[in-house]
Amino acid sequence: MAPYLATVGKSITNFMKRVILVFAVVLSSVIVNGQVNFGIKAGLNNSTLGGDGADISGKKSNTGFNVGVIAAIPLSTHFAFQPEIMYSANQGMEFRPTTNSETNYNLNYVNIPLMLKYKSMGFYGEAGPYFGFLTSGKVKTKTGSTTTESDIKDSFDGTDMGVALGTGYIMNSGLGFGVRYNMGLQNIYDATSPEFKNRYWQVNLIYMFSKK
């Protein structure tokens, strides 16, 4: 089973590299032709870990932040392709098995969402895949007055992949807001059980530098 999982993981990583390479080539082309509108976004995450075996007693969500850059590439009057590069902090979960103990998994990622956006009268809806790269992972355990922290990056897969759905509103000034739900499709824990998959909401402020 382990060699099979390693092969699958390697295939997913290679696929992600190809997608990102194609994205980079396309983005370079549209930048040269002046067809891309850049923007920035920042906001909050509300995250947990789902999957078989992740229904842990006393589980709660984590709150973190996200920040990054976006590039809106017009496809037609209403449609646009929007790749993003986002740093997402404090993904994971917290659980409290007893009243005097607490364990918190904190996972930090660089995520690359590739969103197809439909927009009309300032409102928009969006959907697309995302690819994530784990930058760090910590687990903090508190029992009574004693707190310990350990590095758990090597216990988790270095990559993640999932789908995202969102909506929002952008004003004529370029300022706006968005809400997005991200559902991981890949088991990010380097074990067959429990199975951990990223699940998180994001609420963001957005600013587009141009409105072409």
Protein backbone atom coordinates (compact mmCIF):
# COMPACT_ATOMS: atom_id res chain seq x y z
CA MET A 1 0.00 0.00 0.00
CA ALA A 2 2.79 2.44 0.89
CA PRO A 3 4.54 2.19 -2.54
CA TYR A 4 1.16 2.67 -4.24
CA LEU A 5 0.39 5.79 -2.19
CA ALA A 6 3.86 7.16 -2.92
CA THR A 7 3.30 6.63 -6.66
CA VAL A 8 -0.09 8.37 -6.52
CA GLY A 9 1.39 11.27 -4.58
CA LYS A 10 4.21 11.65 -7.10
CA SER A 11 1.72 11.60 -10.00
CA ILE A 12 -0.38 14.33 -8.35
CA THR A 13 2.71 16.46 -7.75
CA ASN A 14 3.84 16.09 -11.38
CA PHE A 15 0.33 16.99 -12.59
CA MET A 16 0.32 20.10 -10.40
CA LYS A 17 3.70 21.16 -11.80
CA ARG A 18 2.39 20.83 -15.38
CA VAL A 19 -0.73 22.87 -14.58
CA ILE A 20 1.33 25.62 -12.96
CA LEU A 21 3.75 25.66 -15.92
CA VAL A 22 0.87 26.05 -18.39
CA PHE A 23 -0.62 28.77 -16.18
CA ALA A 24 2.72 30.64 -16.13
CA VAL A 25 3.02 30.51 -19.93
CA VAL A 26 -0.57 31.75 -20.45
CA LEU A 27 -0.17 34.50 -17.86
CA SER A 28 3.08 35.69 -19.45
CA SER A 29 1.34 35.89 -22.82
CA VAL A 30 -1.59 37.98 -21.59
CA ILE A 31 0.71 40.29 -19.60
CA VAL A 32 2.70 41.01 -22.76
CA ASN A 33 -0.55 41.84 -24.57
CA GLY A 34 -1.79 44.05 -21.73
CA GLN A 35 -4.93 41.98 -21.11
CA VAL A 36 -4.56 41.26 -17.40
CA ASN A 37 -5.94 43.21 -14.44
CA PHE A 38 -3.99 42.81 -11.22
CA GLY A 39 -5.28 43.03 -7.68
CA ILE A 40 -4.58 42.20 -4.06
CA LYS A 41 -6.69 40.51 -1.41
CA ALA A 42 -6.46 39.76 2.29
CA GLY A 43 -8.78 38.35 4.89
CA LEU A 44 -9.59 35.64 7.41
CA ASN A 45 -9.70 31.83 7.29
CA ASN A 46 -12.02 29.63 9.31
CA SER A 47 -10.66 26.12 8.87
CA THR A 48 -10.93 22.55 10.02
CA LEU A 49 -9.85 19.09 8.87
CA GLY A 50 -12.38 16.65 7.44
CA GLY A 51 -12.17 13.08 6.16
CA ASP A 52 -12.58 9.57 7.55
CA GLY A 53 -11.45 9.47 11.15
CA ALA A 54 -11.28 13.26 11.51
CA ASP A 55 -14.47 13.46 13.57
CA ILE A 56 -12.58 13.93 16.83
CA SER A 57 -14.30 14.62 20.12
CA GLY A 58 -14.26 18.30 21.01
CA LYS A 59 -13.12 19.40 17.52
CA LYS A 60 -13.25 23.12 16.77
CA SER A 61 -12.20 25.26 13.83
CA ASN A 62 -9.04 27.36 13.58
CA THR A 63 -9.00 31.06 12.70
CA GLY A 64 -6.14 32.44 10.63
CA PHE A 65 -5.40 34.91 7.85
CA ASN A 66 -4.72 34.88 4.13
CA VAL A 67 -3.07 37.41 1.82
CA GLY A 68 -2.01 37.39 -1.80
CA VAL A 69 -2.17 38.69 -5.35
CA ILE A 70 -4.68 38.01 -8.12
CA ALA A 71 -4.73 38.43 -11.89
CA ALA A 72 -8.06 38.72 -13.71
CA ILE A 73 -7.83 37.76 -17.39
CA PRO A 74 -10.96 38.75 -19.37
CA LEU A 75 -12.41 35.97 -21.53
CA SER A 76 -15.60 37.79 -22.57
CA THR A 77 -17.92 40.53 -21.30
CA HIS A 78 -19.00 38.47 -18.29
CA PHE A 79 -16.36 35.75 -17.91
CA ALA A 80 -12.79 35.95 -16.65
CA PHE A 81 -10.04 33.53 -15.67
CA GLN A 82 -8.53 34.49 -12.32
CA PRO A 83 -5.33 32.79 -11.09
CA GLU A 84 -4.12 33.72 -7.63
CA ILE A 85 -1.09 33.21 -5.39
CA MET A 86 -2.20 33.18 -1.75
CA TYR A 87 -0.44 32.66 1.56
CA SER A 88 -2.85 30.96 3.94
CA ALA A 89 -1.92 30.78 7.63
CA ASN A 90 -3.23 28.67 10.49
CA GLN A 91 -5.20 26.11 8.52
CA GLY A 92 -5.93 22.97 10.50
CA MET A 93 -8.08 22.40 13.54
CA GLU A 94 -8.30 22.49 17.32
CA PHE A 95 -9.77 19.85 19.58
CA ARG A 96 -10.37 19.61 23.31
CA PRO A 97 -10.81 16.00 24.44
CA THR A 98 -11.10 17.09 28.08
CA THR A 99 -11.83 20.33 29.89
CA ASN A 100 -8.17 20.90 30.83
CA SER A 101 -6.45 19.80 27.60
CA GLU A 102 -6.24 21.38 24.15
CA THR A 103 -4.46 20.40 20.93
CA ASN A 104 -4.10 22.73 17.96
CA TYR A 105 -2.87 21.75 14.48
CA ASN A 106 -1.54 24.77 12.54
CA LEU A 107 -0.73 24.27 8.85
CA ASN A 108 0.53 27.09 6.64
CA TYR A 109 0.24 26.92 2.85
CA VAL A 110 1.00 28.77 -0.35
CA ASN A 111 -2.14 28.12 -2.40
CA ILE A 112 -2.67 28.66 -6.13
CA PRO A 113 -6.40 28.87 -6.97
CA LEU A 114 -7.31 28.86 -10.69
CA MET A 115 -10.80 30.35 -10.77
CA LEU A 116 -13.34 30.79 -13.55
CA LYS A 117 -15.36 33.89 -12.69
CA TYR A 118 -18.75 35.09 -13.95
CA LYS A 119 -19.47 38.76 -13.24
CA SER A 120 -22.47 41.02 -13.78
CA MET A 121 -23.23 44.50 -12.37
CA GLY A 122 -20.38 44.21 -9.89
CA PHE A 123 -21.47 40.85 -8.48
CA TYR A 124 -19.55 37.70 -9.28
CA GLY A 125 -19.59 33.95 -8.79
CA GLU A 126 -16.51 31.78 -9.13
CA ALA A 127 -15.42 28.16 -9.18
CA GLY A 128 -12.22 26.27 -9.86
CA PRO A 129 -9.44 24.05 -8.55
CA TYR A 130 -6.71 25.04 -6.14
CA PHE A 131 -3.25 23.60 -5.57
CA GLY A 132 -1.49 24.01 -2.24
CA PHE A 133 2.09 23.71 -1.03
CA LEU A 134 2.73 23.18 2.67
CA THR A 135 5.31 25.64 4.03
CA SER A 136 5.19 24.74 7.74
CA GLY A 137 3.23 22.72 10.27
CA LYS A 138 3.08 22.84 14.06
CA VAL A 139 1.04 21.12 16.73
CA LYS A 140 0.61 22.84 20.08
CA THR A 141 -0.64 20.85 23.06
CA LYS A 142 -1.76 22.46 26.29
CA THR A 143 -2.50 20.38 29.38
CA GLY A 144 -3.31 22.40 32.45
CA SER A 145 -0.60 25.06 32.67
CA THR A 146 1.91 23.13 30.52
CA THR A 147 2.24 23.91 26.79
CA THR A 148 4.38 22.01 24.30
CA GLU A 149 4.92 22.64 20.58
CA SER A 150 6.25 20.25 17.92
CA ASP A 151 7.04 20.45 14.22
CA ILE A 152 4.71 18.16 12.25
CA LYS A 153 5.49 19.21 8.68
CA ASP A 154 7.09 15.84 7.89
CA SER A 155 3.91 14.06 9.05
CA PHE A 156 1.85 15.76 6.32
CA ASP A 157 1.97 15.65 2.55
CA GLY A 158 3.81 18.58 1.03
CA THR A 159 1.01 19.24 -1.46
CA ASP A 160 -2.76 19.67 -1.42
CA MET A 161 -5.41 19.80 -4.12
CA GLY A 162 -9.10 20.68 -4.00
CA VAL A 163 -11.96 22.75 -5.38
CA ALA A 164 -13.20 26.20 -4.42
CA LEU A 165 -16.53 28.01 -4.79
CA GLY A 166 -17.11 31.66 -4.04
CA THR A 167 -19.06 34.85 -4.57
CA GLY A 168 -18.59 38.56 -3.96
CA TYR A 169 -18.95 42.11 -5.18
CA ILE A 170 -16.47 44.56 -6.76
CA MET A 171 -17.31 48.27 -6.91
CA ASN A 172 -16.37 50.57 -9.81
CA SER A 173 -13.54 51.91 -7.65
CA GLY A 174 -11.96 48.43 -7.63
CA LEU A 175 -12.67 47.85 -3.94
CA GLY A 176 -14.73 44.81 -3.03
CA PHE A 177 -15.21 41.75 -0.87
CA GLY A 178 -15.49 38.02 -1.41
CA VAL A 179 -16.49 34.82 0.37
CA ARG A 180 -15.07 31.44 -0.66
CA TYR A 181 -15.31 27.82 0.49
CA ASN A 182 -12.36 25.51 -0.18
CA MET A 183 -12.76 21.73 -0.04
CA GLY A 184 -9.62 19.60 -0.14
CA LEU A 185 -9.87 16.37 -2.14
CA GLN A 186 -6.54 14.90 -1.07
CA ASN A 187 -5.60 13.17 2.17
CA ILE A 188 -2.85 15.45 3.47
CA TYR A 189 -1.87 13.20 6.39
CA ASP A 190 0.98 10.77 5.69
CA ALA A 191 -0.99 7.78 6.96
CA THR A 192 -4.03 5.84 5.84
CA SER A 193 -5.87 6.53 9.12
CA PRO A 194 -7.03 9.00 10.22
CA GLU A 195 -7.66 10.73 6.90
CA PHE A 196 -7.30 14.51 7.00
CA LYS A 197 -8.57 16.81 4.24
CA ASN A 198 -8.53 20.61 4.33
CA ARG A 199 -11.87 22.37 4.74
CA TYR A 200 -11.95 26.14 5.12
CA TRP A 201 -13.96 29.31 4.57
CA GLN A 202 -12.35 32.59 3.56
CA VAL A 203 -13.70 36.15 3.85
CA ASN A 204 -11.63 38.73 1.97
CA LEU A 205 -11.28 42.40 1.14
CA ILE A 206 -10.23 42.85 -2.50
CA TYR A 207 -8.73 45.72 -4.44
CA MET A 208 -8.33 45.65 -8.23
CA PHE A 209 -5.82 48.15 -9.61
CA SER A 210 -7.66 48.59 -12.91
CA LYS A 211 -11.17 48.01 -14.26
CA LYS A 212 -10.70 47.13 -17.92
